[in-house]
Amino acid sequence: MNISRAEQRTLHVLARGGAVLVEKDDKGKIVEVNCVSREGWTLADCSLGVFRKLRKRRLVASSDGGPYRITRAGRVAVRPQLDNRS
């Protein structure tokens, strides 16, 4: 599967225990996303476009109205790396 660098970084943060927090408008449409690592840091590479691609490919999912987390398919798709700088 072809995954961009920003998508790879987002999946890497999620695989290490992070979450994607979403904000919705009055109609329930997602208008803003915020990717947070388990340490509380915000990932700047996670934009609305990146999030939509990940959700369309079913690499992230939400359960019971909670934050979006990585799925099993997302864990398979992410390449292992030592840190998030490459």
N, C-alpha and C. Protein backbone atom coordinates (compact mmCIF):
# COMPACT_ATOMS: atom_id res chain seq x y z
N MET A 1 0.85 -1.17 0.00
CA MET A 1 0.00 0.00 0.00
C MET A 1 0.89 1.23 0.00
N ASN A 2 0.55 2.21 -0.81
CA ASN A 2 1.31 3.45 -0.91
C ASN A 2 0.82 4.43 0.15
N ILE A 3 1.68 4.80 1.07
CA ILE A 3 1.31 5.70 2.15
C ILE A 3 2.30 6.86 2.16
N SER A 4 1.78 8.08 2.21
CA SER A 4 2.63 9.27 2.20
C SER A 4 3.38 9.41 3.53
N ARG A 5 4.33 10.31 3.54
CA ARG A 5 5.14 10.53 4.74
C ARG A 5 4.28 11.04 5.90
N ALA A 6 3.38 11.97 5.62
CA ALA A 6 2.52 12.51 6.68
C ALA A 6 1.59 11.42 7.24
N GLU A 7 1.07 10.58 6.36
CA GLU A 7 0.21 9.48 6.81
C GLU A 7 1.02 8.50 7.65
N GLN A 8 2.26 8.23 7.23
CA GLN A 8 3.12 7.31 7.95
C GLN A 8 3.44 7.84 9.36
N ARG A 9 3.71 9.13 9.46
CA ARG A 9 3.98 9.73 10.77
C ARG A 9 2.76 9.67 11.68
N THR A 10 1.60 9.94 11.11
CA THR A 10 0.38 9.89 11.90
C THR A 10 0.12 8.48 12.40
N LEU A 11 0.27 7.49 11.52
CA LEU A 11 0.06 6.10 11.93
C LEU A 11 1.08 5.68 12.98
N HIS A 12 2.30 6.18 12.87
CA HIS A 12 3.34 5.83 13.84
C HIS A 12 2.98 6.36 15.23
N VAL A 13 2.48 7.58 15.30
CA VAL A 13 2.06 8.15 16.59
C VAL A 13 0.88 7.36 17.15
N LEU A 14 -0.05 6.98 16.30
CA LEU A 14 -1.21 6.23 16.76
C LEU A 14 -0.81 4.83 17.21
N ALA A 15 0.15 4.22 16.53
CA ALA A 15 0.60 2.88 16.92
C ALA A 15 1.27 2.89 18.28
N ARG A 16 1.84 4.01 18.65
CA ARG A 16 2.49 4.12 19.95
C ARG A 16 1.54 4.56 21.06
N GLY A 17 0.24 4.61 20.77
CA GLY A 17 -0.74 4.90 21.82
C GLY A 17 -1.42 6.25 21.70
N GLY A 18 -1.23 6.94 20.60
CA GLY A 18 -1.85 8.24 20.41
C GLY A 18 -3.30 8.11 19.95
N ALA A 19 -3.95 9.26 19.76
CA ALA A 19 -5.34 9.29 19.33
C ALA A 19 -5.58 10.52 18.47
N VAL A 20 -6.60 10.45 17.63
CA VAL A 20 -7.01 11.58 16.81
C VAL A 20 -8.32 12.10 17.39
N LEU A 21 -8.30 13.33 17.85
CA LEU A 21 -9.48 13.97 18.40
C LEU A 21 -10.12 14.81 17.30
N VAL A 22 -11.43 14.71 17.13
CA VAL A 22 -12.12 15.42 16.06
C VAL A 22 -13.10 16.43 16.64
N GLU A 23 -13.34 17.50 15.87
CA GLU A 23 -14.37 18.47 16.21
C GLU A 23 -15.37 18.48 15.08
N LYS A 24 -16.66 18.45 15.43
CA LYS A 24 -17.71 18.39 14.44
C LYS A 24 -18.56 19.66 14.47
N ASP A 25 -19.18 19.97 13.33
CA ASP A 25 -20.08 21.11 13.28
C ASP A 25 -21.49 20.70 13.71
N ASP A 26 -22.46 21.57 13.51
CA ASP A 26 -23.83 21.30 13.94
C ASP A 26 -24.45 20.10 13.24
N LYS A 27 -24.02 19.84 12.01
CA LYS A 27 -24.60 18.75 11.23
C LYS A 27 -23.88 17.42 11.44
N GLY A 28 -22.82 17.42 12.24
CA GLY A 28 -22.09 16.19 12.51
C GLY A 28 -20.92 15.94 11.58
N LYS A 29 -20.60 16.91 10.72
CA LYS A 29 -19.48 16.76 9.79
C LYS A 29 -18.18 17.15 10.49
N ILE A 30 -17.13 16.37 10.26
CA ILE A 30 -15.84 16.64 10.88
C ILE A 30 -15.20 17.87 10.23
N VAL A 31 -14.86 18.87 11.03
CA VAL A 31 -14.30 20.11 10.48
C VAL A 31 -12.86 20.34 10.93
N GLU A 32 -12.43 19.67 12.00
CA GLU A 32 -11.06 19.87 12.50
C GLU A 32 -10.59 18.60 13.19
N VAL A 33 -9.31 18.27 12.98
CA VAL A 33 -8.72 17.10 13.63
C VAL A 33 -7.48 17.53 14.39
N ASN A 34 -7.18 16.79 15.45
CA ASN A 34 -6.02 17.05 16.27
C ASN A 34 -5.43 15.71 16.70
N CYS A 35 -4.24 15.40 16.21
CA CYS A 35 -3.57 14.14 16.54
C CYS A 35 -2.68 14.36 17.75
N VAL A 36 -2.93 13.61 18.81
CA VAL A 36 -2.21 13.77 20.06
C VAL A 36 -1.49 12.47 20.40
N SER A 37 -0.21 12.58 20.75
CA SER A 37 0.55 11.40 21.16
C SER A 37 0.19 11.03 22.59
N ARG A 38 0.64 9.88 23.04
CA ARG A 38 0.32 9.47 24.41
C ARG A 38 1.00 10.34 25.45
N GLU A 39 2.06 11.06 25.04
CA GLU A 39 2.74 11.99 25.96
C GLU A 39 2.05 13.35 26.01
N GLY A 40 1.08 13.59 25.10
CA GLY A 40 0.35 14.84 25.09
C GLY A 40 0.81 15.82 24.02
N TRP A 41 1.76 15.43 23.19
CA TRP A 41 2.24 16.30 22.12
C TRP A 41 1.28 16.26 20.94
N THR A 42 1.17 17.39 20.23
CA THR A 42 0.32 17.49 19.05
C THR A 42 1.17 17.32 17.80
N LEU A 43 0.70 16.52 16.86
CA LEU A 43 1.39 16.26 15.61
C LEU A 43 0.90 17.25 14.56
N ALA A 44 1.82 18.05 14.00
CA ALA A 44 1.45 19.06 13.03
C ALA A 44 1.14 18.47 11.66
N ASP A 45 1.68 17.29 11.34
CA ASP A 45 1.48 16.67 10.03
C ASP A 45 0.08 16.12 9.83
N CYS A 46 -0.67 15.96 10.88
CA CYS A 46 -2.00 15.36 10.79
C CYS A 46 -3.02 16.45 10.44
N SER A 47 -3.32 16.56 9.16
CA SER A 47 -4.30 17.54 8.71
C SER A 47 -5.63 16.83 8.42
N LEU A 48 -6.62 17.60 8.06
CA LEU A 48 -7.93 17.03 7.75
C LEU A 48 -7.84 16.12 6.53
N GLY A 49 -7.05 16.51 5.54
CA GLY A 49 -6.88 15.68 4.34
C GLY A 49 -6.22 14.35 4.65
N VAL A 50 -5.17 14.37 5.47
CA VAL A 50 -4.48 13.13 5.86
C VAL A 50 -5.44 12.24 6.64
N PHE A 51 -6.18 12.82 7.55
CA PHE A 51 -7.13 12.05 8.35
C PHE A 51 -8.19 11.40 7.46
N ARG A 52 -8.70 12.13 6.48
CA ARG A 52 -9.73 11.57 5.59
C ARG A 52 -9.18 10.40 4.78
N LYS A 53 -7.92 10.51 4.33
CA LYS A 53 -7.31 9.40 3.58
C LYS A 53 -7.18 8.16 4.47
N LEU A 54 -6.73 8.36 5.70
CA LEU A 54 -6.57 7.23 6.62
C LEU A 54 -7.92 6.59 6.95
N ARG A 55 -8.92 7.40 7.12
CA ARG A 55 -10.24 6.87 7.44
C ARG A 55 -10.86 6.16 6.24
N LYS A 56 -10.64 6.69 5.05
CA LYS A 56 -11.16 6.07 3.83
C LYS A 56 -10.53 4.70 3.60
N ARG A 57 -9.24 4.57 3.92
CA ARG A 57 -8.54 3.29 3.76
C ARG A 57 -8.77 2.36 4.96
N ARG A 58 -9.55 2.80 5.93
CA ARG A 58 -9.87 2.04 7.15
C ARG A 58 -8.64 1.71 7.97
N LEU A 59 -7.70 2.66 8.02
CA LEU A 59 -6.51 2.49 8.84
C LEU A 59 -6.71 3.06 10.24
N VAL A 60 -7.72 3.93 10.40
CA VAL A 60 -8.10 4.45 11.71
C VAL A 60 -9.61 4.29 11.85
N ALA A 61 -10.07 4.14 13.09
CA ALA A 61 -11.50 3.99 13.33
C ALA A 61 -11.82 4.47 14.74
N SER A 62 -13.07 4.83 14.93
CA SER A 62 -13.58 5.23 16.23
C SER A 62 -14.58 4.20 16.71
N SER A 63 -14.58 3.94 18.00
CA SER A 63 -15.57 3.02 18.54
C SER A 63 -16.29 3.67 19.70
N ASP A 64 -17.60 3.52 19.72
CA ASP A 64 -18.47 4.06 20.78
C ASP A 64 -18.31 5.56 20.97
N GLY A 65 -18.10 6.30 19.89
CA GLY A 65 -18.01 7.76 19.98
C GLY A 65 -16.73 8.28 20.57
N GLY A 66 -15.73 7.43 20.75
CA GLY A 66 -14.45 7.84 21.32
C GLY A 66 -13.52 8.42 20.27
N PRO A 67 -12.29 8.70 20.65
CA PRO A 67 -11.32 9.22 19.68
C PRO A 67 -10.93 8.15 18.67
N TYR A 68 -10.44 8.62 17.52
CA TYR A 68 -10.01 7.68 16.48
C TYR A 68 -8.68 7.07 16.87
N ARG A 69 -8.57 5.76 16.72
CA ARG A 69 -7.35 5.02 17.03
C ARG A 69 -6.98 4.16 15.83
N ILE A 70 -5.79 3.63 15.84
CA ILE A 70 -5.30 2.81 14.74
C ILE A 70 -6.00 1.46 14.75
N THR A 71 -6.27 0.92 13.56
CA THR A 71 -6.89 -0.40 13.43
C THR A 71 -5.81 -1.44 13.17
N ARG A 72 -6.24 -2.68 13.09
CA ARG A 72 -5.30 -3.77 12.79
C ARG A 72 -4.67 -3.56 11.41
N ALA A 73 -5.48 -3.13 10.44
CA ALA A 73 -4.95 -2.86 9.09
C ALA A 73 -3.93 -1.72 9.14
N GLY A 74 -4.16 -0.74 9.99
CA GLY A 74 -3.22 0.36 10.14
C GLY A 74 -1.90 -0.10 10.74
N ARG A 75 -1.97 -1.01 11.70
CA ARG A 75 -0.74 -1.54 12.30
C ARG A 75 0.08 -2.32 11.30
N VAL A 76 -0.59 -3.02 10.39
CA VAL A 76 0.12 -3.78 9.35
C VAL A 76 0.75 -2.82 8.34
N ALA A 77 0.07 -1.71 8.04
CA ALA A 77 0.53 -0.79 7.01
C ALA A 77 1.68 0.10 7.47
N VAL A 78 1.80 0.36 8.76
CA VAL A 78 2.83 1.28 9.23
C VAL A 78 4.20 0.58 9.20
N ARG A 79 5.20 1.34 8.74
CA ARG A 79 6.56 0.82 8.72
C ARG A 79 7.20 1.11 10.07
N PRO A 80 7.95 0.16 10.63
CA PRO A 80 8.60 0.42 11.91
C PRO A 80 9.72 1.43 11.75
N GLN A 81 9.82 2.34 12.71
CA GLN A 81 10.91 3.31 12.72
C GLN A 81 11.25 3.65 14.16
N LEU A 82 12.49 4.04 14.39
CA LEU A 82 12.95 4.31 15.73
C LEU A 82 12.32 5.56 16.32
N ASP A 83 12.19 6.59 15.52
CA ASP A 83 11.58 7.83 15.98
C ASP A 83 10.77 8.43 14.86
N ASN A 84 10.21 9.58 15.10
CA ASN A 84 9.32 10.20 14.13
C ASN A 84 10.04 11.23 13.27
N ARG A 85 11.34 11.25 13.25
CA ARG A 85 12.07 12.29 12.54
C ARG A 85 12.46 11.96 11.12
N SER A 86 12.30 10.72 10.70
CA SER A 86 12.72 10.37 9.35
C SER A 86 11.59 10.46 8.35
